[in-house]
N, C-alpha and C. Protein backbone atom coordinates (compact mmCIF):
# COMPACT_ATOMS: atom_id res chain seq x y z
N UNK A 1 0.81 -1.01 0.20
CA UNK A 1 0.66 0.20 0.15
C UNK A 1 0.57 0.96 0.17
N UNK A 2 0.27 2.22 -0.52
CA UNK A 2 1.37 3.27 -0.75
C UNK A 2 0.71 3.74 0.58
N UNK A 3 1.90 5.30 0.49
CA UNK A 3 2.07 5.93 1.87
C UNK A 3 0.24 7.18 1.87
N UNK A 4 0.48 7.57 0.59
CA UNK A 4 -1.16 9.04 -0.17
C UNK A 4 -2.52 7.38 0.54
N UNK A 5 -2.27 6.44 0.09
CA UNK A 5 -3.08 5.00 0.35
C UNK A 5 -3.38 5.27 1.97
N UNK A 6 -2.63 5.03 2.24
CA UNK A 6 -2.11 4.52 4.17
C UNK A 6 -3.32 5.93 4.86
N UNK A 7 -2.88 7.45 4.38
CA UNK A 7 -3.07 8.61 4.86
C UNK A 7 -4.71 8.47 4.13
N UNK A 8 -5.24 8.16 3.23
CA UNK A 8 -6.48 8.18 3.32
C UNK A 8 -7.27 7.30 3.41
N UNK A 9 -6.89 5.62 4.18
CA UNK A 9 -6.98 5.16 4.81
C UNK A 9 -7.62 5.64 6.79
N UNK A 10 -6.67 6.11 6.90
CA UNK A 10 -6.64 6.70 8.49
C UNK A 10 -7.17 8.07 8.62
N UNK A 11 -7.74 8.44 7.45
CA UNK A 11 -8.80 9.94 7.63
C UNK A 11 -7.88 11.23 7.17
N UNK A 12 -6.77 10.46 7.26
CA UNK A 12 -5.91 11.85 7.21
C UNK A 12 -5.22 12.64 5.87
N UNK A 13 -5.47 13.91 6.06
CA UNK A 13 -5.51 14.89 4.94
C UNK A 13 -4.32 16.00 5.16
N UNK A 14 -3.09 15.71 4.16
CA UNK A 14 -1.81 16.44 3.87
C UNK A 14 -2.55 17.99 4.24
N UNK A 15 -2.34 18.85 5.19
CA UNK A 15 -2.51 20.39 4.67
C UNK A 15 -1.45 21.01 3.60
N UNK A 16 -1.95 21.88 3.05
CA UNK A 16 -0.91 23.13 2.54
C UNK A 16 0.46 23.09 3.10
N UNK A 17 1.62 23.76 2.60
CA UNK A 17 2.85 23.93 3.33
C UNK A 17 2.27 25.05 3.99
N UNK A 18 3.38 25.36 4.94
CA UNK A 18 3.17 26.12 6.05
C UNK A 18 3.78 27.18 5.29
N UNK A 19 3.64 28.21 4.80
CA UNK A 19 4.34 29.50 4.53
C UNK A 19 5.79 29.75 5.43
N UNK A 20 6.80 30.04 5.07
CA UNK A 20 8.10 30.46 6.04
C UNK A 20 7.77 31.34 6.56
N UNK A 21 8.22 31.36 7.59
CA UNK A 21 8.35 32.95 8.97
C UNK A 21 9.83 33.96 8.45
N UNK A 22 10.34 33.39 8.24
CA UNK A 22 11.76 34.21 7.97
C UNK A 22 12.66 33.82 6.41
N UNK A 23 13.77 33.80 6.06
CA UNK A 23 14.14 33.31 5.31
C UNK A 23 14.92 31.96 5.19
N UNK A 24 14.22 31.08 4.65
CA UNK A 24 14.31 29.92 4.87
C UNK A 24 13.49 29.32 3.95
N UNK A 25 13.69 28.05 3.43
CA UNK A 25 12.30 26.97 2.76
C UNK A 25 12.21 25.88 3.96
N UNK A 26 10.51 25.23 3.46
CA UNK A 26 9.86 24.34 4.08
C UNK A 26 10.87 23.10 3.96
N UNK A 27 11.52 22.65 3.09
CA UNK A 27 11.89 21.59 3.14
C UNK A 27 13.30 21.33 2.10
N UNK A 28 14.26 20.19 2.47
CA UNK A 28 15.21 20.90 1.77
C UNK A 28 15.95 19.59 1.27
N UNK A 29 15.94 18.77 -0.07
CA UNK A 29 16.54 17.66 0.08
C UNK A 29 18.24 17.16 0.04
N UNK A 30 18.73 16.42 0.42
CA UNK A 30 20.05 16.52 0.22
C UNK A 30 20.60 15.22 0.11
N UNK A 31 20.53 14.57 -1.21
CA UNK A 31 20.95 12.90 -1.67
C UNK A 31 19.72 12.39 -1.70
N UNK A 32 19.61 11.41 -0.49
CA UNK A 32 18.35 10.73 -0.64
C UNK A 32 17.66 10.82 1.17
N UNK A 33 18.28 12.02 1.39
CA UNK A 33 17.13 12.70 2.16
C UNK A 33 16.24 13.92 2.19
N UNK A 34 15.57 14.38 2.97
CA UNK A 34 15.10 15.45 3.22
C UNK A 34 14.84 16.17 4.37
N UNK A 35 15.24 17.45 4.76
CA UNK A 35 15.21 17.62 5.81
C UNK A 35 14.11 19.10 6.21
N UNK A 36 13.08 18.95 6.71
CA UNK A 36 12.21 20.05 7.15
C UNK A 36 12.71 20.82 8.08
N UNK A 37 12.24 22.03 7.69
CA UNK A 37 12.48 23.19 8.47
C UNK A 37 11.42 22.68 9.63
N UNK A 38 12.04 23.71 11.23
CA UNK A 38 10.97 23.45 11.87
C UNK A 38 9.40 24.00 11.78
N UNK A 39 8.31 22.76 11.96
CA UNK A 39 6.77 23.22 11.35
C UNK A 39 6.48 23.47 12.78
N UNK A 40 5.69 24.35 13.20
CA UNK A 40 4.78 25.38 13.47
C UNK A 40 3.18 24.56 13.75
N UNK A 41 2.88 24.12 14.74
CA UNK A 41 1.07 23.96 14.44
C UNK A 41 -0.18 24.65 13.92
N UNK A 42 0.36 25.14 12.81
CA UNK A 42 -0.45 26.00 11.56
C UNK A 42 -1.67 24.91 11.17
N UNK A 43 -3.07 25.59 11.10
CA UNK A 43 -4.16 24.94 10.98
C UNK A 43 -4.83 26.02 10.20
N UNK A 44 -4.78 25.94 8.47
CA UNK A 44 -5.16 26.64 7.87
C UNK A 44 -4.42 28.50 7.94
N UNK A 45 -2.92 28.16 7.94
CA UNK A 45 -2.58 29.14 7.91
C UNK A 45 -2.55 30.15 10.11
N UNK A 46 -3.21 29.57 10.50
CA UNK A 46 -3.43 30.03 11.63
C UNK A 46 -2.80 29.36 12.44
N UNK A 47 -1.71 29.86 13.68
CA UNK A 47 -1.29 29.13 14.16
C UNK A 47 -2.32 28.49 15.61
N UNK A 48 -2.29 27.66 15.96
CA UNK A 48 -3.74 26.60 16.70
C UNK A 48 -3.49 27.22 17.94
N UNK A 49 -2.48 27.49 18.69
CA UNK A 49 -2.59 28.03 20.09
C UNK A 49 -0.76 28.52 20.69
N UNK A 50 -0.91 29.46 21.62
CA UNK A 50 -0.08 29.77 21.46
C UNK A 50 0.13 29.84 23.44
N UNK A 51 1.48 29.69 23.87
CA UNK A 51 2.23 29.56 25.04
C UNK A 51 2.78 28.63 25.76
N UNK A 52 2.92 28.64 27.08
CA UNK A 52 4.08 27.29 27.50
C UNK A 52 3.45 26.04 28.26
N UNK A 53 3.51 25.59 28.00
CA UNK A 53 3.13 24.27 27.93
C UNK A 53 3.60 23.77 29.90
N UNK A 54 2.60 23.26 30.28
CA UNK A 54 2.61 23.23 31.94
C UNK A 54 1.95 24.56 32.54
N UNK A 55 1.85 25.22 31.64
CA UNK A 55 1.09 27.03 31.55
C UNK A 55 0.17 26.89 30.98
N UNK A 56 -0.27 27.87 30.03
CA UNK A 56 -1.42 27.95 29.41
C UNK A 56 -1.51 27.10 28.26
N UNK A 57 -0.68 26.11 28.30
CA UNK A 57 -1.20 25.03 27.47
C UNK A 57 -1.28 23.15 28.66
N UNK A 58 -2.30 22.45 28.43
CA UNK A 58 -1.61 21.03 28.93
C UNK A 58 -1.18 20.57 28.44
N UNK A 59 -0.32 19.61 28.74
CA UNK A 59 0.61 18.50 28.35
C UNK A 59 -0.32 17.38 27.11
N UNK A 60 -1.27 17.49 27.26
CA UNK A 60 -2.05 16.77 26.39
C UNK A 60 -2.91 17.95 24.97
N UNK A 61 -3.04 18.24 25.23
CA UNK A 61 -3.02 19.96 24.16
C UNK A 61 -2.03 20.13 23.58
N UNK A 62 -0.65 20.01 23.85
CA UNK A 62 0.60 20.06 23.06
C UNK A 62 0.67 18.65 22.46
N UNK A 63 0.74 17.86 23.07
CA UNK A 63 0.90 16.37 22.27
C UNK A 63 -0.02 16.62 20.82
N UNK A 64 -0.95 16.91 21.00
CA UNK A 64 -2.06 17.57 19.55
C UNK A 64 -1.56 18.45 18.50
N UNK A 65 -0.89 19.95 19.58
CA UNK A 65 0.04 19.93 18.24
C UNK A 65 1.07 19.97 17.85
N UNK A 66 2.07 18.87 18.36
CA UNK A 66 2.63 18.22 17.90
C UNK A 66 2.70 17.22 16.90
N UNK A 67 1.50 16.86 16.52
CA UNK A 67 0.98 15.59 16.22
C UNK A 67 0.06 16.92 13.98
N UNK A 68 0.20 17.94 14.91
CA UNK A 68 -0.61 18.62 13.84
C UNK A 68 0.54 19.77 13.14
N UNK A 69 2.03 19.33 13.62
CA UNK A 69 2.98 19.88 13.29
C UNK A 69 4.23 19.12 12.28
N UNK A 70 3.68 17.84 12.83
CA UNK A 70 3.92 17.03 12.07
C UNK A 70 3.73 17.01 11.20
N UNK A 71 2.18 16.54 10.39
CA UNK A 71 1.73 16.78 9.51
C UNK A 71 1.90 17.90 8.68
N UNK A 72 2.68 18.97 9.10
CA UNK A 72 2.95 20.43 8.31
C UNK A 72 4.32 19.53 7.81
N UNK A 73 5.10 19.29 8.62
CA UNK A 73 6.02 18.87 8.04
C UNK A 73 6.15 17.83 6.91
N UNK A 74 5.14 16.86 7.18
CA UNK A 74 4.85 15.61 6.07
C UNK A 74 4.43 16.75 4.79
N UNK A 75 3.92 17.60 5.17
CA UNK A 75 3.25 18.02 3.83
C UNK A 75 4.45 18.92 3.04
N UNK A 76 5.59 19.68 3.87
CA UNK A 76 6.80 19.75 3.59
C UNK A 76 7.43 18.69 2.23
N UNK A 77 6.92 17.86 3.22
CA UNK A 77 8.49 16.67 2.16
C UNK A 77 7.13 16.31 1.28
N UNK A 78 5.77 16.01 1.12
CA UNK A 78 5.15 15.53 -0.13
C UNK A 78 5.28 16.95 -1.33
N UNK A 79 5.44 18.06 -0.47
CA UNK A 79 5.73 19.12 -1.38
C UNK A 79 6.89 19.13 -2.35
N UNK A 80 7.71 18.82 -2.16
CA UNK A 80 9.28 19.14 -2.06
C UNK A 80 9.54 17.46 -2.84
N UNK A 81 8.89 16.37 -2.62
CA UNK A 81 9.38 14.55 -3.29
C UNK A 81 8.39 14.20 -3.70
N UNK A 82 7.26 14.15 -2.53
CA UNK A 82 5.93 13.56 -3.09
C UNK A 82 5.60 12.76 -1.69
N UNK A 83 4.87 12.29 -0.93
CA UNK A 83 4.78 11.46 0.04
C UNK A 83 5.21 9.96 -0.47
N UNK A 84 5.12 9.06 -1.19
CA UNK A 84 4.94 7.96 -1.92
C UNK A 84 6.56 7.67 -1.99
N UNK A 85 7.26 8.80 -1.94
CA UNK A 85 8.57 8.64 -2.11
C UNK A 85 9.19 8.15 -1.09
N UNK A 86 8.77 8.70 0.12
CA UNK A 86 9.54 8.30 1.50
C UNK A 86 10.17 6.34 1.35
N UNK A 87 11.25 5.97 2.19
CA UNK A 87 11.54 4.74 3.03
C UNK A 87 11.14 5.22 3.97
N UNK A 88 11.47 5.85 4.83
CA UNK A 88 11.48 5.75 6.51
C UNK A 88 11.79 7.21 6.82
N UNK A 89 10.75 7.32 8.36
CA UNK A 89 11.60 8.27 9.28
C UNK A 89 12.58 8.16 9.99
N UNK A 90 13.53 9.12 9.33
CA UNK A 90 15.37 9.02 10.06
C UNK A 90 15.20 9.36 11.24
N UNK A 91 14.62 10.79 11.88
CA UNK A 91 15.23 11.32 12.65
C UNK A 91 13.65 12.27 13.01
N UNK A 92 13.25 12.61 14.07
CA UNK A 92 12.44 13.17 14.62
C UNK A 92 13.05 14.42 16.39
N UNK A 93 12.81 15.83 15.41
CA UNK A 93 13.30 16.50 16.64
C UNK A 93 11.97 17.51 17.20
N UNK A 94 11.38 17.69 18.45
CA UNK A 94 10.77 18.35 18.90
C UNK A 94 10.86 19.25 19.97
N UNK A 95 10.42 20.45 19.91
CA UNK A 95 10.82 21.35 20.60
C UNK A 95 9.21 21.85 21.66
N UNK A 96 9.76 22.03 22.70
CA UNK A 96 8.24 22.51 23.66
C UNK A 96 8.72 23.08 24.51
N UNK A 97 7.68 24.69 24.34
CA UNK A 97 8.24 25.61 24.89
C UNK A 97 7.28 25.16 26.09
N UNK A 98 8.23 25.71 27.17
CA UNK A 98 8.22 24.50 28.69
C UNK A 98 7.84 25.81 29.81
N UNK A 99 6.83 25.74 30.93
CA UNK A 99 6.47 26.90 32.04
C UNK A 99 7.58 26.21 32.70
N UNK A 100 8.29 26.88 33.54
CA UNK A 100 9.26 26.39 34.45
C UNK A 100 8.88 25.09 35.26
N UNK A 101 9.82 24.74 35.73
CA UNK A 101 9.37 22.97 36.02
C UNK A 101 8.78 21.91 35.33
N UNK A 102 8.51 22.30 34.29
CA UNK A 102 7.80 21.20 33.21
C UNK A 102 8.85 19.82 33.05
N UNK A 103 8.37 19.01 32.89
CA UNK A 103 9.33 18.06 32.25
C UNK A 103 9.12 16.76 31.52
N UNK A 104 7.46 17.34 30.73
CA UNK A 104 7.21 15.87 30.20
C UNK A 104 7.69 16.50 28.76
N UNK A 105 8.34 16.85 28.10
CA UNK A 105 9.02 17.37 26.71
C UNK A 105 8.75 15.33 26.10
N UNK A 106 9.35 14.49 26.02
CA UNK A 106 8.76 13.23 25.62
C UNK A 106 7.40 12.85 25.26
N UNK A 107 6.76 13.17 26.25
CA UNK A 107 5.52 12.85 26.20
C UNK A 107 4.77 13.76 25.16
N UNK A 108 4.87 15.11 25.19
CA UNK A 108 4.23 15.91 24.49
C UNK A 108 4.74 15.57 22.40
N UNK A 109 6.11 15.22 22.25
CA UNK A 109 6.70 14.94 21.10
C UNK A 109 5.84 13.75 20.84
N UNK A 110 5.89 12.97 21.55
CA UNK A 110 4.58 11.17 21.13
C UNK A 110 3.87 11.78 20.42
N UNK A 111 2.92 13.10 20.27
CA UNK A 111 2.29 13.50 18.89
C UNK A 111 2.50 13.32 17.72
N UNK A 112 3.96 13.39 17.48
CA UNK A 112 4.31 13.45 16.19
C UNK A 112 4.97 11.99 16.51
N UNK A 113 5.03 11.48 17.08
CA UNK A 113 6.05 10.49 16.56
C UNK A 113 5.22 9.24 16.90
N UNK A 114 3.81 9.21 17.71
CA UNK A 114 2.86 8.08 16.94
C UNK A 114 1.82 8.78 15.57
N UNK A 115 1.96 9.77 15.20
CA UNK A 115 1.73 10.10 14.06
C UNK A 115 2.36 9.28 12.94
N UNK A 116 3.91 9.53 13.29
CA UNK A 116 4.28 8.91 11.90
C UNK A 116 4.77 6.91 11.92
N UNK A 117 4.20 6.67 13.08
CA UNK A 117 4.50 5.15 13.32
C UNK A 117 2.56 4.61 12.65
N UNK A 118 1.45 5.39 12.97
CA UNK A 118 0.44 5.04 12.53
C UNK A 118 0.53 5.07 11.20
N UNK A 119 1.20 6.00 10.30
CA UNK A 119 1.48 6.93 9.13
C UNK A 119 2.30 5.30 8.44
N UNK A 120 2.89 5.30 8.86
CA UNK A 120 4.42 4.17 8.05
C UNK A 120 4.56 3.10 8.47
N UNK A 121 4.31 2.83 9.90
CA UNK A 121 4.04 1.63 10.38
C UNK A 121 6.07 1.45 10.82
N UNK A 122 6.56 0.29 10.31
CA UNK A 122 7.96 -0.15 10.93
C UNK A 122 9.17 0.97 10.36
N UNK A 123 8.80 1.50 8.94
CA UNK A 123 9.64 2.56 8.52
C UNK A 123 9.16 4.25 9.14
N UNK A 124 8.50 4.03 9.97
CA UNK A 124 7.96 5.34 11.04
C UNK A 124 8.77 5.18 12.19
N UNK A 125 9.59 3.98 12.59
CA UNK A 125 10.41 4.10 13.96
C UNK A 125 11.34 4.99 13.46
N UNK A 126 11.75 6.37 14.45
CA UNK A 126 13.18 7.30 14.52
C UNK A 126 13.83 7.22 15.50
N UNK A 127 14.46 7.79 15.41
CA UNK A 127 15.10 8.20 16.36
C UNK A 127 15.09 9.94 16.96
N UNK A 128 15.25 10.08 17.75
CA UNK A 128 14.60 11.45 18.21
C UNK A 128 14.95 12.04 19.58
N UNK A 129 14.96 13.47 19.16
CA UNK A 129 15.04 14.64 20.73
C UNK A 129 13.88 15.51 21.03
N UNK A 130 13.66 15.30 22.00
CA UNK A 130 12.49 15.94 22.99
C UNK A 130 13.12 17.06 23.67
N UNK A 131 12.93 18.67 23.36
CA UNK A 131 13.74 19.72 23.83
C UNK A 131 12.92 20.34 24.39
N UNK A 132 13.14 20.76 25.88
CA UNK A 132 12.68 21.97 26.40
C UNK A 132 13.04 23.01 25.66
N UNK A 133 12.18 24.29 25.56
CA UNK A 133 13.05 25.46 25.69
C UNK A 133 12.38 26.70 26.20
N UNK A 134 12.79 27.66 26.62
CA UNK A 134 12.08 29.38 26.77
C UNK A 134 10.84 29.51 26.13
N UNK A 135 11.13 29.62 24.91
CA UNK A 135 10.16 30.54 24.41
C UNK A 135 10.19 29.69 22.25
N UNK A 136 9.31 29.88 21.88
CA UNK A 136 9.40 28.80 20.25
C UNK A 136 8.73 30.41 19.66
N UNK A 137 9.01 30.47 17.90
CA UNK A 137 8.29 31.91 17.42
C UNK A 137 7.37 31.91 17.15
N UNK A 138 7.00 33.01 17.46
CA UNK A 138 5.57 33.85 17.59
C UNK A 138 4.51 33.25 18.99
N UNK A 139 5.13 32.66 20.04
CA UNK A 139 4.47 31.96 21.02
C UNK A 139 3.95 30.58 20.78
N UNK A 140 4.19 29.90 20.01
CA UNK A 140 3.96 28.76 19.79
C UNK A 140 4.85 27.74 20.76
N UNK A 141 2.93 26.51 21.17
CA UNK A 141 3.81 25.94 21.82
C UNK A 141 4.62 24.83 21.68
N UNK A 142 4.79 24.56 20.45
CA UNK A 142 5.28 23.18 20.37
C UNK A 142 6.21 23.43 18.61
N UNK A 143 7.10 22.92 18.15
CA UNK A 143 7.23 23.01 17.06
C UNK A 143 8.49 21.52 16.72
N UNK A 144 8.04 21.17 15.07
CA UNK A 144 8.80 19.58 14.84
C UNK A 144 9.51 19.56 13.90
N UNK A 145 10.40 19.06 13.50
CA UNK A 145 10.94 19.41 12.48
C UNK A 145 11.74 17.48 12.16
N UNK A 146 11.49 16.78 10.88
CA UNK A 146 12.30 15.54 10.19
C UNK A 146 12.93 15.21 9.51
N UNK A 147 13.67 14.29 9.61
CA UNK A 147 14.84 13.60 8.67
C UNK A 147 14.06 12.58 8.51
N UNK A 148 14.13 12.93 7.02
CA UNK A 148 13.40 11.29 6.53
C UNK A 148 13.76 10.92 5.13
N UNK A 149 14.11 9.94 4.85
CA UNK A 149 15.17 8.62 3.85
C UNK A 149 14.11 9.07 3.09
N UNK A 150 14.26 9.41 1.47
CA UNK A 150 13.87 8.69 0.39
C UNK A 150 14.37 8.22 -0.77
N UNK A 151 13.41 7.96 -1.56
CA UNK A 151 13.80 7.83 -3.09
C UNK A 151 14.35 7.90 -4.05
């Protein structure tokens, strides 16, 4: 089954590629890898939430925003090379804007990791970093970037 068929089976539609906020592109291919820029949880061109996780944003809400960010990263991959050319997800890096004392970053970034597992199965198993930060661009609670192997 193709990845596009798998997305359809799951009822997931890739969004349009989020417009860059500064001087960069959403994704770059180098050899057989695609590197995405950090993606925020934009929905229809609007940031879905602002605030710090563990204060204004609950960990469960943030997990959903990490999933949305990963979908936006997949949209960038799809626009560059086509989702059906993905052979595996290599690495996920998730940044979580964290309130003081919040240490649940891995559970938040699971929103991205679990989505990739649903879509790509064994090819979605990846290395990962989940990093707590003081602030993210435009007040976003999460940011996700991917390294994807393609054919």
